[in-house]
C-alpha atoms as a PDB file:
ATOM      1  CA  MET A   1      82.242  88.789 138.330  1.00  0.00           C
ATOM      2  CA  PHE A   2      78.615  89.606 137.712  1.00  0.00           C
ATOM      3  CA  ALA A   3      76.055  88.759 140.394  1.00  0.00           C
ATOM      4  CA  GLN A   4      72.748  87.454 139.116  1.00  0.00           C
ATOM      5  CA  ASN A   5      70.570  89.509 141.416  1.00  0.00           C
ATOM      6  CA  ARG A   6      67.421  91.305 140.396  1.00  0.00           C
ATOM      7  CA  ASP A   7      67.844  94.948 139.484  1.00  0.00           C
ATOM      8  CA  SER A   8      67.084  96.806 142.703  1.00  0.00           C
ATOM      9  CA  LEU A   9      67.351 100.129 140.862  1.00  0.00           C
ATOM     10  CA  LEU A  10      63.836  99.395 139.624  1.00  0.00           C
ATOM     11  CA  THR A  11      62.510  98.307 143.036  1.00  0.00           C
ATOM     12  CA  ASN A  12      64.072  99.242 146.384  1.00  0.00           C
ATOM     13  CA  ASN A  13      67.509 100.823 146.521  1.00  0.00           C
ATOM     14  CA  TYR A  14      69.880 102.482 148.974  1.00  0.00           C
ATOM     15  CA  LEU A  15      70.717 105.469 146.786  1.00  0.00           C
ATOM     16  CA  THR A  16      69.548 107.958 149.437  1.00  0.00           C
ATOM     17  CA  PRO A  17      72.233 106.759 151.919  1.00  0.00           C
ATOM     18  CA  VAL A  18      74.755 106.928 149.071  1.00  0.00           C
ATOM     19  CA  ARG A  19      73.779 110.550 148.453  1.00  0.00           C
ATOM     20  CA  TRP A  20      74.257 111.220 152.177  1.00  0.00           C
ATOM     21  CA  MET A  21      77.724 109.673 151.950  1.00  0.00           C
ATOM     22  CA  LEU A  22      78.695 111.807 148.953  1.00  0.00           C
ATOM     23  CA  ALA A  23      77.341 115.003 150.549  1.00  0.00           C
ATOM     24  CA  LEU A  24      79.289 114.339 153.755  1.00  0.00           C
ATOM     25  CA  MET A  25      82.434 113.661 151.704  1.00  0.00           C
ATOM     26  CA  VAL A  26      82.029 117.107 150.145  1.00  0.00           C
ATOM     27  CA  MET A  27      81.483 118.613 153.587  1.00  0.00           C
ATOM     28  CA  ILE A  28      84.553 116.941 155.083  1.00  0.00           C
ATOM     29  CA  GLY A  29      86.718 118.107 152.199  1.00  0.00           C
ATOM     30  CA  HIS A  30      85.432 121.654 152.505  1.00  0.00           C
ATOM     31  CA  ALA A  31      86.138 121.682 156.245  1.00  0.00           C
ATOM     32  CA  TRP A  32      89.817 121.559 155.314  1.00  0.00           C
ATOM     33  CA  PHE A  33      89.523 123.806 152.267  1.00  0.00           C
ATOM     34  CA  THR A  34      87.658 126.659 153.964  1.00  0.00           C
ATOM     35  CA  SER A  35      89.946 126.644 157.002  1.00  0.00           C
ATOM     36  CA  SER A  36      93.311 126.115 155.285  1.00  0.00           C
ATOM     37  CA  GLY A  37      92.806 126.526 151.532  1.00  0.00           C
ATOM     38  CA  PHE A  38      93.870 122.921 150.822  1.00  0.00           C
ATOM     39  CA  GLU A  39      92.273 119.473 151.061  1.00  0.00           C
ATOM     40  CA  PRO A  40      94.737 116.829 152.287  1.00  0.00           C
ATOM     41  CA  LEU A  41      92.156 114.018 152.133  1.00  0.00           C
ATOM     42  CA  ARG A  42      93.008 112.656 148.711  1.00  0.00           C
ATOM     43  CA  ILE A  43      94.233 109.608 146.850  1.00  0.00           C
ATOM     44  CA  HIS A  44      96.847 110.563 144.299  1.00  0.00           C
ATOM     45  CA  ASP A  45      95.641 114.004 143.168  1.00  0.00           C
ATOM     46  CA  TRP A  46      91.932 113.348 143.700  1.00  0.00           C
ATOM     47  CA  SER A  47      90.455 114.956 146.809  1.00  0.00           C
ATOM     48  CA  ALA A  48      87.416 113.694 148.713  1.00  0.00           C
ATOM     49  CA  SER A  49      85.149 116.559 147.660  1.00  0.00           C
ATOM     50  CA  TYR A  50      86.320 116.370 144.030  1.00  0.00           C
ATOM     51  CA  MET A  51      85.472 112.694 143.727  1.00  0.00           C
ATOM     52  CA  ALA A  52      82.224 113.112 145.652  1.00  0.00           C
ATOM     53  CA  VAL A  53      81.052 115.669 143.072  1.00  0.00           C
ATOM     54  CA  ASN A  54      81.952 113.212 140.311  1.00  0.00           C
ATOM     55  CA  GLY A  55      79.990 110.572 142.211  1.00  0.00           C
ATOM     56  CA  PHE A  56      76.934 112.828 142.353  1.00  0.00           C
ATOM     57  CA  PHE A  57      77.070 113.247 138.570  1.00  0.00           C
ATOM     58  CA  ILE A  58      77.520 109.512 137.952  1.00  0.00           C
ATOM     59  CA  LEU A  59      74.461 108.833 140.093  1.00  0.00           C
ATOM     60  CA  SER A  60      72.537 111.690 138.492  1.00  0.00           C
ATOM     61  CA  GLY A  61      73.257 110.377 134.993  1.00  0.00           C
ATOM     62  CA  LEU A  62      71.947 106.935 135.969  1.00  0.00           C
ATOM     63  CA  LEU A  63      68.737 108.291 137.504  1.00  0.00           C
ATOM     64  CA  ILE A  64      68.081 110.864 134.762  1.00  0.00           C
ATOM     65  CA  ALA A  65      68.431 108.182 132.084  1.00  0.00           C
ATOM     66  CA  LYS A  66      66.009 106.022 134.064  1.00  0.00           C
ATOM     67  CA  SER A  67      63.560 108.927 134.342  1.00  0.00           C
ATOM     68  CA  LEU A  68      63.811 109.784 130.646  1.00  0.00           C
ATOM     69  CA  ASN A  69      62.876 106.215 129.776  1.00  0.00           C
ATOM     70  CA  SER A  70      60.084 105.862 132.321  1.00  0.00           C
ATOM     71  CA  GLY A  71      57.313 106.749 129.861  1.00  0.00           C
ATOM     72  CA  SER A  72      56.267 109.974 131.619  1.00  0.00           C
ATOM     73  CA  SER A  73      55.586 113.082 129.556  1.00  0.00           C
ATOM     74  CA  ARG A  74      58.308 115.516 128.633  1.00  0.00           C
ATOM     75  CA  LEU A  75      56.541 118.311 130.467  1.00  0.00           C
ATOM     76  CA  ARG A  76      56.346 116.224 133.643  1.00  0.00           C
ATOM     77  CA  PHE A  77      60.030 115.321 133.353  1.00  0.00           C
ATOM     78  CA  THR A  78      60.967 119.004 133.015  1.00  0.00           C
ATOM     79  CA  LEU A  79      58.769 119.977 135.969  1.00  0.00           C
ATOM     80  CA  SER A  80      60.321 117.225 138.091  1.00  0.00           C
ATOM     81  CA  ARG A  81      63.808 118.575 137.486  1.00  0.00           C
ATOM     82  CA  TYR A  82      62.848 122.143 138.375  1.00  0.00           C
ATOM     83  CA  VAL A  83      61.047 121.228 141.597  1.00  0.00           C
ATOM     84  CA  ARG A  84      64.031 119.116 142.687  1.00  0.00           C
ATOM     85  CA  ILE A  85      66.651 121.822 142.153  1.00  0.00           C
ATOM     86  CA  LEU A  86      65.180 125.315 142.421  1.00  0.00           C
ATOM     87  CA  PRO A  87      63.073 125.413 145.653  1.00  0.00           C
ATOM     88  CA  GLY A  88      65.944 124.297 147.900  1.00  0.00           C
ATOM     89  CA  LEU A  89      68.310 126.662 146.126  1.00  0.00           C
ATOM     90  CA  ALA A  90      65.839 129.541 146.477  1.00  0.00           C
ATOM     91  CA  PHE A  91      65.612 128.846 150.241  1.00  0.00           C
ATOM     92  CA  LEU A  92      69.391 129.142 150.542  1.00  0.00           C
ATOM     93  CA  LEU A  93      69.491 132.345 148.503  1.00  0.00           C
ATOM     94  CA  LEU A  94      66.742 133.859 150.642  1.00  0.00           C
ATOM     95  CA  ALA A  95      68.996 133.230 153.659  1.00  0.00           C
ATOM     96  CA  TYR A  96      71.821 134.919 151.764  1.00  0.00           C
ATOM     97  CA  VAL A  97      69.728 138.024 151.060  1.00  0.00           C
ATOM     98  CA  LEU A  98      68.354 138.274 154.606  1.00  0.00           C
ATOM     99  CA  TYR A  99      71.241 137.008 156.727  1.00  0.00           C
ATOM    100  CA  PHE A 100      74.587 135.984 155.219  1.00  0.00           C
ATOM    101  CA  GLY A 101      74.887 138.897 152.804  1.00  0.00           C
ATOM    102  CA  PRO A 102      74.031 141.756 155.189  1.00  0.00           C
ATOM    103  CA  LEU A 103      75.971 140.294 158.126  1.00  0.00           C
ATOM    104  CA  PHE A 104      79.140 139.072 156.436  1.00  0.00           C
ATOM    105  CA  THR A 105      79.701 141.327 153.395  1.00  0.00           C
ATOM    106  CA  ALA A 106      82.334 144.033 153.833  1.00  0.00           C
ATOM    107  CA  GLY A 107      80.936 147.479 153.079  1.00  0.00           C
ATOM    108  CA  TYR A 108      77.289 146.462 153.411  1.00  0.00           C
ATOM    109  CA  GLY A 109      75.156 149.601 153.530  1.00  0.00           C
ATOM    110  CA  ASP A 110      77.979 151.624 152.011  1.00  0.00           C
ATOM    111  CA  THR A 111      79.332 149.959 148.852  1.00  0.00           C
ATOM    112  CA  THR A 112      76.882 147.025 148.842  1.00  0.00           C
ATOM    113  CA  HIS A 113      73.108 147.313 149.271  1.00  0.00           C
ATOM    114  CA  ASP A 114      69.989 145.178 149.423  1.00  0.00           C
ATOM    115  CA  LEU A 115      69.370 145.422 145.680  1.00  0.00           C
ATOM    116  CA  ASP A 116      72.882 144.105 145.025  1.00  0.00           C
ATOM    117  CA  LEU A 117      72.170 141.059 147.176  1.00  0.00           C
ATOM    118  CA  ILE A 118      68.809 140.455 145.503  1.00  0.00           C
ATOM    119  CA  GLY A 119      70.422 140.837 142.084  1.00  0.00           C
ATOM    120  CA  TYR A 120      73.015 138.201 142.972  1.00  0.00           C
ATOM    121  CA  ALA A 121      70.318 135.788 144.172  1.00  0.00           C
ATOM    122  CA  LEU A 122      68.378 136.229 140.926  1.00  0.00           C
ATOM    123  CA  GLN A 123      71.542 135.679 138.890  1.00  0.00           C
ATOM    124  CA  VAL A 124      72.233 132.390 140.657  1.00  0.00           C
ATOM    125  CA  LEU A 125      68.624 131.275 140.119  1.00  0.00           C
ATOM    126  CA  ALA A 126      69.117 132.131 136.447  1.00  0.00           C
ATOM    127  CA  LEU A 127      72.132 129.752 136.485  1.00  0.00           C
ATOM    128  CA  GLN A 128      74.755 132.472 136.092  1.00  0.00           C
ATOM    129  CA  ASP A 129      78.108 132.672 137.898  1.00  0.00           C
ATOM    130  CA  PRO A 130      77.521 131.872 141.613  1.00  0.00           C
ATOM    131  CA  GLU A 131      80.981 133.026 142.703  1.00  0.00           C
ATOM    132  CA  ALA A 132      80.631 136.707 141.768  1.00  0.00           C
ATOM    133  CA  THR A 133      78.975 137.903 144.980  1.00  0.00           C
ATOM    134  CA  PRO A 134      78.594 141.685 145.337  1.00  0.00           C
ATOM    135  CA  GLY A 135      81.221 143.149 147.630  1.00  0.00           C
ATOM    136  CA  THR A 136      83.625 140.948 149.588  1.00  0.00           C
ATOM    137  CA  ILE A 137      81.933 138.336 151.717  1.00  0.00           C
ATOM    138  CA  PHE A 138      83.741 136.634 154.623  1.00  0.00           C
ATOM    139  CA  ALA A 139      86.577 139.098 154.039  1.00  0.00           C
ATOM    140  CA  ASN A 140      88.833 137.833 156.846  1.00  0.00           C
ATOM    141  CA  ASN A 141      88.447 134.121 156.103  1.00  0.00           C
ATOM    142  CA  GLU A 142      90.968 132.014 154.238  1.00  0.00           C
ATOM    143  CA  VAL A 143      88.521 131.673 151.335  1.00  0.00           C
ATOM    144  CA  HIS A 144      86.377 134.640 150.259  1.00  0.00           C
ATOM    145  CA  ALA A 145      83.310 132.860 148.926  1.00  0.00           C
ATOM    146  CA  PHE A 146      79.710 132.696 150.041  1.00  0.00           C
ATOM    147  CA  ASN A 147      79.196 129.143 148.850  1.00  0.00           C
ATOM    148  CA  GLY A 148      81.866 127.326 146.894  1.00  0.00           C
ATOM    149  CA  ALA A 149      79.565 124.356 146.348  1.00  0.00           C
ATOM    150  CA  LEU A 150      77.119 126.240 144.121  1.00  0.00           C
ATOM    151  CA  TRP A 151      79.296 126.079 141.016  1.00  0.00           C
ATOM    152  CA  THR A 152      78.035 122.589 140.137  1.00  0.00           C
ATOM    153  CA  ILE A 153      74.343 123.556 139.987  1.00  0.00           C
ATOM    154  CA  ARG A 154      74.660 125.149 136.544  1.00  0.00           C
ATOM    155  CA  PHE A 155      76.422 122.106 135.167  1.00  0.00           C
ATOM    156  CA  GLU A 156      73.777 119.808 136.644  1.00  0.00           C
ATOM    157  CA  ILE A 157      71.071 121.665 134.712  1.00  0.00           C
ATOM    158  CA  ILE A 158      73.216 121.653 131.553  1.00  0.00           C
ATOM    159  CA  ALA A 159      73.721 117.904 131.937  1.00  0.00           C
ATOM    160  CA  TYR A 160      69.933 117.428 132.142  1.00  0.00           C
ATOM    161  CA  PHE A 161      69.517 119.440 128.952  1.00  0.00           C
ATOM    162  CA  VAL A 162      72.200 117.434 127.125  1.00  0.00           C
ATOM    163  CA  ALA A 163      70.637 114.147 128.276  1.00  0.00           C
ATOM    164  CA  VAL A 164      67.243 115.320 127.028  1.00  0.00           C
ATOM    165  CA  LEU A 165      68.670 116.103 123.595  1.00  0.00           C
ATOM    166  CA  LEU A 166      70.512 112.801 123.372  1.00  0.00           C
ATOM    167  CA  VAL A 167      67.560 110.653 124.443  1.00  0.00           C
ATOM    168  CA  TRP A 168      64.579 112.485 122.984  1.00  0.00           C
ATOM    169  CA  PHE A 169      66.297 112.868 119.604  1.00  0.00           C
ATOM    170  CA  ARG A 170      67.279 109.192 119.712  1.00  0.00           C
ATOM    171  CA  LEU A 171      71.028 109.850 119.612  1.00  0.00           C
ATOM    172  CA  ILE A 172      71.190 107.470 122.565  1.00  0.00           C
ATOM    173  CA  LYS A 173      68.799 104.581 122.147  1.00  0.00           C
ATOM    174  CA  GLY A 174      70.645 101.528 123.385  1.00  0.00           C
ATOM    175  CA  PRO A 175      73.840 100.112 124.894  1.00  0.00           C
ATOM    176  CA  VAL A 176      76.132 100.853 121.948  1.00  0.00           C
ATOM    177  CA  SER A 177      75.161 104.513 121.564  1.00  0.00           C
ATOM    178  CA  ALA A 178      75.281 105.001 125.352  1.00  0.00           C
ATOM    179  CA  CYS A 179      78.820 103.585 125.490  1.00  0.00           C
ATOM    180  CA  LEU A 180      79.869 105.750 122.543  1.00  0.00           C
ATOM    181  CA  SER A 181      78.454 108.799 124.319  1.00  0.00           C
ATOM    182  CA  PHE A 182      80.560 108.047 127.391  1.00  0.00           C
ATOM    183  CA  VAL A 183      83.680 107.559 125.258  1.00  0.00           C
ATOM    184  CA  ALA A 184      83.003 110.806 123.358  1.00  0.00           C
ATOM    185  CA  PHE A 185      82.522 112.985 126.458  1.00  0.00           C
ATOM    186  CA  THR A 186      85.500 111.426 128.229  1.00  0.00           C
ATOM    187  CA  THR A 187      87.733 111.913 125.183  1.00  0.00           C
ATOM    188  CA  ALA A 188      86.559 115.521 124.869  1.00  0.00           C
ATOM    189  CA  TYR A 189      87.402 116.099 128.531  1.00  0.00           C
ATOM    190  CA  PHE A 190      90.927 114.749 128.176  1.00  0.00           C
ATOM    191  CA  LEU A 191      91.492 116.845 125.052  1.00  0.00           C
ATOM    192  CA  ALA A 192      90.200 119.900 126.918  1.00  0.00           C
ATOM    193  CA  LEU A 193      92.796 119.394 129.653  1.00  0.00           C
ATOM    194  CA  TYR A 194      95.557 119.815 127.081  1.00  0.00           C
ATOM    195  CA  PHE A 195      94.099 122.168 124.499  1.00  0.00           C
ATOM    196  CA  PHE A 196      91.391 124.303 126.200  1.00  0.00           C
ATOM    197  CA  GLU A 197      92.275 127.140 128.525  1.00  0.00           C
ATOM    198  CA  ASN A 198      88.665 127.858 129.483  1.00  0.00           C
ATOM    199  CA  SER A 199      88.170 126.482 132.995  1.00  0.00           C
ATOM    200  CA  GLY A 200      84.389 126.442 132.599  1.00  0.00           C
ATOM    201  CA  ALA A 201      84.610 124.220 129.515  1.00  0.00           C
ATOM    202  CA  ARG A 202      86.991 121.881 131.310  1.00  0.00           C
ATOM    203  CA  ALA A 203      84.716 121.659 134.350  1.00  0.00           C
ATOM    204  CA  GLY A 204      81.645 121.059 132.200  1.00  0.00           C
ATOM    205  CA  LEU A 205      83.287 118.274 130.212  1.00  0.00           C
ATOM    206  CA  ARG A 206      84.673 116.710 133.384  1.00  0.00           C
ATOM    207  CA  LEU A 207      81.183 116.481 134.860  1.00  0.00           C
ATOM    208  CA  MET A 208      79.630 115.346 131.561  1.00  0.00           C
ATOM    209  CA  SER A 209      82.142 112.489 131.468  1.00  0.00           C
ATOM    210  CA  ALA A 210      80.901 111.360 134.889  1.00  0.00           C
ATOM    211  CA  PHE A 211      77.254 111.998 133.944  1.00  0.00           C
ATOM    212  CA  SER A 212      77.539 110.000 130.714  1.00  0.00           C
ATOM    213  CA  LEU A 213      79.059 107.121 132.698  1.00  0.00           C
ATOM    214  CA  GLY A 214      75.838 107.077 134.728  1.00  0.00           C
ATOM    215  CA  ILE A 215      73.765 107.128 131.527  1.00  0.00           C
ATOM    216  CA  MET A 216      75.743 104.141 130.234  1.00  0.00           C
ATOM    217  CA  LEU A 217      75.025 102.246 133.456  1.00  0.00           C
ATOM    218  CA  TRP A 218      71.302 102.597 132.774  1.00  0.00           C
ATOM    219  CA  TYR A 219      71.469 101.341 129.206  1.00  0.00           C
ATOM    220  CA  VAL A 220      73.803  98.440 130.034  1.00  0.00           C
ATOM    221  CA  PRO A 221      72.069  96.810 133.025  1.00  0.00           C
ATOM    222  CA  VAL A 222      74.617  93.995 133.334  1.00  0.00           C
ATOM    223  CA  LEU A 223      77.142  96.590 134.503  1.00  0.00           C
ATOM    224  CA  ARG A 224      74.906  97.342 137.477  1.00  0.00           C
ATOM    225  CA  ARG A 225      75.211  93.746 138.682  1.00  0.00           C
ATOM    226  CA  ILE A 226      78.956  93.507 139.217  1.00  0.00           C
ATOM    227  CA  ASP A 227      80.127  91.840 142.409  1.00  0.00           C
ATOM    228  CA  TRP A 228      82.694  92.922 144.989  1.00  0.00           C
ATOM    229  CA  LEU A 229      85.490  90.993 143.252  1.00  0.00           C
ATOM    230  CA  TYR A 230      85.210  93.192 140.157  1.00  0.00           C
ATOM    231  CA  THR A 231      84.751  96.292 142.333  1.00  0.00           C
ATOM    232  CA  GLY A 232      87.918  95.421 144.244  1.00  0.00           C
ATOM    233  CA  PHE A 233      89.767  94.953 140.961  1.00  0.00           C
ATOM    234  CA  LEU A 234      88.755  98.441 139.802  1.00  0.00           C
ATOM    235  CA  ILE A 235      89.841  99.927 143.130  1.00  0.00           C
ATOM    236  CA  MET A 236      93.238  98.222 142.885  1.00  0.00           C
ATOM    237  CA  VAL A 237      93.731  99.441 139.309  1.00  0.00           C
ATOM    238  CA  PHE A 238      92.966 102.992 140.443  1.00  0.00           C
ATOM    239  CA  LEU A 239      95.346 102.744 143.393  1.00  0.00           C
ATOM    240  CA  ALA A 240      98.081 101.468 141.088  1.00  0.00           C
ATOM    241  CA  PHE A 241      97.588 103.821 138.139  1.00  0.00           C
ATOM    242  CA  GLY A 242      95.575 106.735 139.518  1.00  0.00           C
ATOM    243  CA  TRP A 243      98.636 108.995 139.276  1.00  0.00           C
ATOM    244  CA  THR A 244      98.659 108.725 135.455  1.00  0.00           C
ATOM    245  CA  SER A 245      96.766 110.888 132.953  1.00  0.00           C
ATOM    246  CA  ALA A 246      94.021 108.246 133.019  1.00  0.00           C
ATOM    247  CA  GLY A 247      93.697 108.576 136.794  1.00  0.00           C
ATOM    248  CA  GLU A 248      90.357 110.361 136.853  1.00  0.00           C
ATOM    249  CA  ILE A 249      88.576 107.897 134.585  1.00  0.00           C
ATOM    250  CA  LEU A 250      89.968 105.027 136.677  1.00  0.00           C
ATOM    251  CA  ALA A 251      88.755 106.815 139.805  1.00  0.00           C
ATOM    252  CA  ASN A 252      85.292 107.316 138.272  1.00  0.00           C
ATOM    253  CA  LEU A 253      85.013 103.649 137.287  1.00  0.00           C
ATOM    254  CA  ALA A 254      86.000 102.513 140.787  1.00  0.00           C
ATOM    255  CA  LEU A 255      83.653 105.070 142.361  1.00  0.00           C
ATOM    256  CA  ALA A 256      80.766 103.977 140.134  1.00  0.00           C
ATOM    257  CA  ALA A 257      81.323 100.366 141.165  1.00  0.00           C
ATOM    258  CA  ILE A 258      81.317 101.322 144.868  1.00  0.00           C
ATOM    259  CA  ILE A 259      78.119 103.373 144.411  1.00  0.00           C
ATOM    260  CA  LEU A 260      76.428 100.412 142.726  1.00  0.00           C
ATOM    261  CA  GLN A 261      77.537  97.980 145.425  1.00  0.00           C
ATOM    262  CA  LEU A 262      76.301 100.198 148.241  1.00  0.00           C
ATOM    263  CA  GLY A 263      73.240 101.637 146.500  1.00  0.00           C
ATOM    264  CA  LEU A 264      71.748  98.585 144.791  1.00  0.00           C
ATOM    265  CA  PRO A 265      71.423  95.945 147.510  1.00  0.00           C
ATOM    266  CA  ARG A 266      70.526  92.290 147.140  1.00  0.00           C
ATOM    267  CA  MET A 267      67.834  92.669 149.833  1.00  0.00           C
ATOM    268  CA  ALA A 268      65.847  95.731 150.888  1.00  0.00           C
ATOM    269  CA  ASN A 269      65.934  97.111 154.419  1.00  0.00           C
ATOM    270  CA  PRO A 270      62.741  99.003 155.344  1.00  0.00           C
ATOM    271  CA  ILE A 271      64.572 101.202 157.867  1.00  0.00           C
ATOM    272  CA  VAL A 272      67.149 102.334 155.330  1.00  0.00           C
ATOM    273  CA  ASN A 273      64.406 102.870 152.747  1.00  0.00           C
ATOM    274  CA  LYS A 274      62.752 105.428 155.058  1.00  0.00           C
ATOM    275  CA  LEU A 275      65.869 107.590 155.406  1.00  0.00           C
ATOM    276  CA  PRO A 276      64.933 111.172 154.429  1.00  0.00           C
ATOM    277  CA  ASP A 277      66.983 112.679 151.628  1.00  0.00           C
ATOM    278  CA  PHE A 278      68.860 115.516 153.343  1.00  0.00           C
ATOM    279  CA  SER A 279      71.764 115.242 150.888  1.00  0.00           C
ATOM    280  CA  TYR A 280      70.842 118.261 148.766  1.00  0.00           C
ATOM    281  CA  GLY A 281      70.383 120.384 151.878  1.00  0.00           C
ATOM    282  CA  ILE A 282      73.729 119.231 153.271  1.00  0.00           C
ATOM    283  CA  TYR A 283      75.378 120.065 149.973  1.00  0.00           C
ATOM    284  CA  LEU A 284      73.825 123.543 149.800  1.00  0.00           C
ATOM    285  CA  TRP A 285      74.133 124.666 153.410  1.00  0.00           C
ATOM    286  CA  HIS A 286      77.393 123.318 154.830  1.00  0.00           C
ATOM    287  CA  TYR A 287      79.698 125.806 153.108  1.00  0.00           C
ATOM    288  CA  PRO A 288      78.165 129.131 154.255  1.00  0.00           C
ATOM    289  CA  LEU A 289      77.662 127.712 157.753  1.00  0.00           C
ATOM    290  CA  MET A 290      81.349 126.765 157.923  1.00  0.00           C
ATOM    291  CA  GLN A 291      82.307 130.206 156.674  1.00  0.00           C
ATOM    292  CA  ALA A 292      80.169 131.826 159.391  1.00  0.00           C
ATOM    293  CA  ILE A 293      81.782 129.634 162.068  1.00  0.00           C
ATOM    294  CA  LEU A 294      85.242 130.601 160.804  1.00  0.00           C
ATOM    295  CA  VAL A 295      84.376 134.265 161.318  1.00  0.00           C
ATOM    296  CA  ALA A 296      83.853 133.557 165.028  1.00  0.00           C
ATOM    297  CA  TYR A 297      86.614 130.938 165.377  1.00  0.00           C
ATOM    298  CA  PRO A 298      89.285 131.670 162.745  1.00  0.00           C
ATOM    299  CA  ASP A 299      91.840 129.279 164.273  1.00  0.00           C
ATOM    300  CA  ILE A 300      89.535 126.281 164.596  1.00  0.00           C
ATOM    301  CA  SER A 301      90.883 122.954 163.312  1.00  0.00           C
ATOM    302  CA  PRO A 302      89.268 121.332 160.261  1.00  0.00           C
ATOM    303  CA  LEU A 303      87.894 118.396 162.266  1.00  0.00           C
ATOM    304  CA  ALA A 304      86.467 120.716 164.903  1.00  0.00           C
ATOM    305  CA  LEU A 305      84.969 122.875 162.154  1.00  0.00           C
ATOM    306  CA  PHE A 306      83.293 119.816 160.650  1.00  0.00           C
ATOM    307  CA  GLY A 307      81.953 118.736 164.040  1.00  0.00           C
ATOM    308  CA  LEU A 308      80.673 122.201 164.904  1.00  0.00           C
ATOM    309  CA  ALA A 309      79.063 122.742 161.500  1.00  0.00           C
ATOM    310  CA  LEU A 310      77.406 119.333 161.256  1.00  0.00           C
ATOM    311  CA  PRO A 311      74.491 119.845 163.728  1.00  0.00           C
ATOM    312  CA  PRO A 312      73.236 123.152 162.221  1.00  0.00           C
ATOM    313  CA  THR A 313      73.776 121.771 158.724  1.00  0.00           C
ATOM    314  CA  LEU A 314      71.623 118.726 159.495  1.00  0.00           C
ATOM    315  CA  LEU A 315      69.001 120.877 161.232  1.00  0.00           C
ATOM    316  CA  ILE A 316      68.615 123.302 158.332  1.00  0.00           C
ATOM    317  CA  SER A 317      68.762 120.413 155.847  1.00  0.00           C
ATOM    318  CA  ALA A 318      65.874 118.784 157.702  1.00  0.00           C
ATOM    319  CA  ILE A 319      63.890 122.039 157.571  1.00  0.00           C
ATOM    320  CA  SER A 320      64.675 122.356 153.873  1.00  0.00           C
ATOM    321  CA  TRP A 321      63.623 118.756 153.183  1.00  0.00           C
ATOM    322  CA  TYR A 322      60.400 118.663 155.175  1.00  0.00           C
ATOM    323  CA  CYS A 323      59.239 122.246 154.560  1.00  0.00           C
ATOM    324  CA  ILE A 324      60.612 123.089 151.107  1.00  0.00           C
ATOM    325  CA  GLU A 325      61.946 120.199 149.053  1.00  0.00           C
ATOM    326  CA  ARG A 326      59.524 117.350 149.795  1.00  0.00           C
ATOM    327  CA  PRO A 327      56.374 119.516 149.452  1.00  0.00           C
ATOM    328  CA  SER A 328      57.773 120.872 146.175  1.00  0.00           C
ATOM    329  CA  LEU A 329      58.398 117.353 144.881  1.00  0.00           C
ATOM    330  CA  ARG A 330      54.684 116.619 145.242  1.00  0.00           C
ATOM    331  CA  LEU A 331      54.044 119.121 142.449  1.00  0.00           C
ATOM    332  CA  LYS A 332      55.401 116.643 139.921  1.00  0.00           C
ATOM    333  CA  ASN A 333      52.389 114.416 140.648  1.00  0.00           C
ATOM    334  CA  LEU A 334      49.898 117.070 139.571  1.00  0.00           C
ATOM    335  CA  ARG A 335      47.701 116.233 136.606  1.00  0.00           C
ATOM    336  CA  ILE A 336      49.377 117.777 133.583  1.00  0.00           C
ATOM    337  CA  PRO A 337      47.778 117.898 130.125  1.00  0.00           C
ATOM    338  CA  GLU A 338      49.812 115.996 127.572  1.00  0.00           C
ATOM    339  CA  ILE A 339      51.108 118.843 125.402  1.00  0.00           C
ATOM    340  CA  MET A 340      54.057 116.781 124.179  1.00  0.00           C
ATOM    341  CA  PRO A 341      53.969 113.017 123.587  1.00  0.00           C
ATOM    342  CA  ALA A 342      55.652 110.822 126.163  1.00  0.00           C
ATOM    343  CA  GLN A 343      59.029 109.283 125.472  1.00  0.00           C
ATOM    344  CA  ARG A 344      58.621 105.633 124.628  1.00  0.00           C
ATOM    345  CA  SER A 345      59.561 103.521 127.610  1.00  0.00           C
ATOM    346  CA  VAL A 346      62.725 101.441 127.270  1.00  0.00           C
ATOM    347  CA  SER A 347      62.329  98.128 129.020  1.00  0.00           C
ATOM    348  CA  GLU A 348      65.133  96.264 130.652  1.00  0.00           C
ATOM    349  CA  ALA A 349      65.060  93.717 127.854  1.00  0.00           C
ATOM    350  CA  GLU A 350      65.597  96.456 125.262  1.00  0.00           C
ATOM    351  CA  ALA A 351      68.377  98.002 127.310  1.00  0.00           C
ATOM    352  CA  LYS A 352      70.394  94.787 127.545  1.00  0.00           C
END
């Protein structure tokens, strides 16, 4: 069941196309949600956008664990995370302050003013509640939200912080502790479903379960070399038992296997390797663009909404990538004085 290929995670990989796939899954799901309030594209109870978000966190956990064990300084690691998340988000929020907020908020200029919009943008940048927009935005749409995709950004940053604590303080230092971390977060999530009423805690633990699965995949390299037979087995188990209380963990295991099969190829393709990473831009921009389209065409079908929103989403994502995100990512290569010692690199031999 395990293919003896070299670990393409450390050389050339197809994780950028996988991120595109996950971002488009979120977009397709939201085309139904924003237009009708319900996503019918689901297996058992798990919708396309729901599982795509879990997939993003599985992939993020894998790559963050890799980065934490790369030997770079702690300051450089922290800077890398900020320049990946905040510039693209700030670009979106600037568009909210200048365009989406003034044009689509009910009572703008009367009950809602420029300072209210700026205050909201600053709150989101400070990782506070992204759903509490001032006034009522997109008041006549099915869903009254500026950007329903922003809720995961806070939990992404929290997951980075938790990973830093676990790795830098040596609470995770090998396969056993990584597996125990995954079991602990997943158990906590299932307990939260039954005993916690706080939706934020439930959401955070749900995403940490997926994130810790990605961390485990870094520390147990043999799991990254499963073949399609084992992947198919996991998919069949999910299809058979995904309706049970263990359905989400089965879905995450099957999804992780699919991500590894598609993202870690046996042979590199130079064309695929050059694909620009528009996934973050797609994730950030599709929702408000769909909401704006629904203002003009309230009776549009979900598929037509997806098709109409896709070109401007890709265009703005390209602008965000080439003009904002990629230039910002170059900042992580600046010479930084070593204020804090680097994390000791964990080799593949140590991780096995």
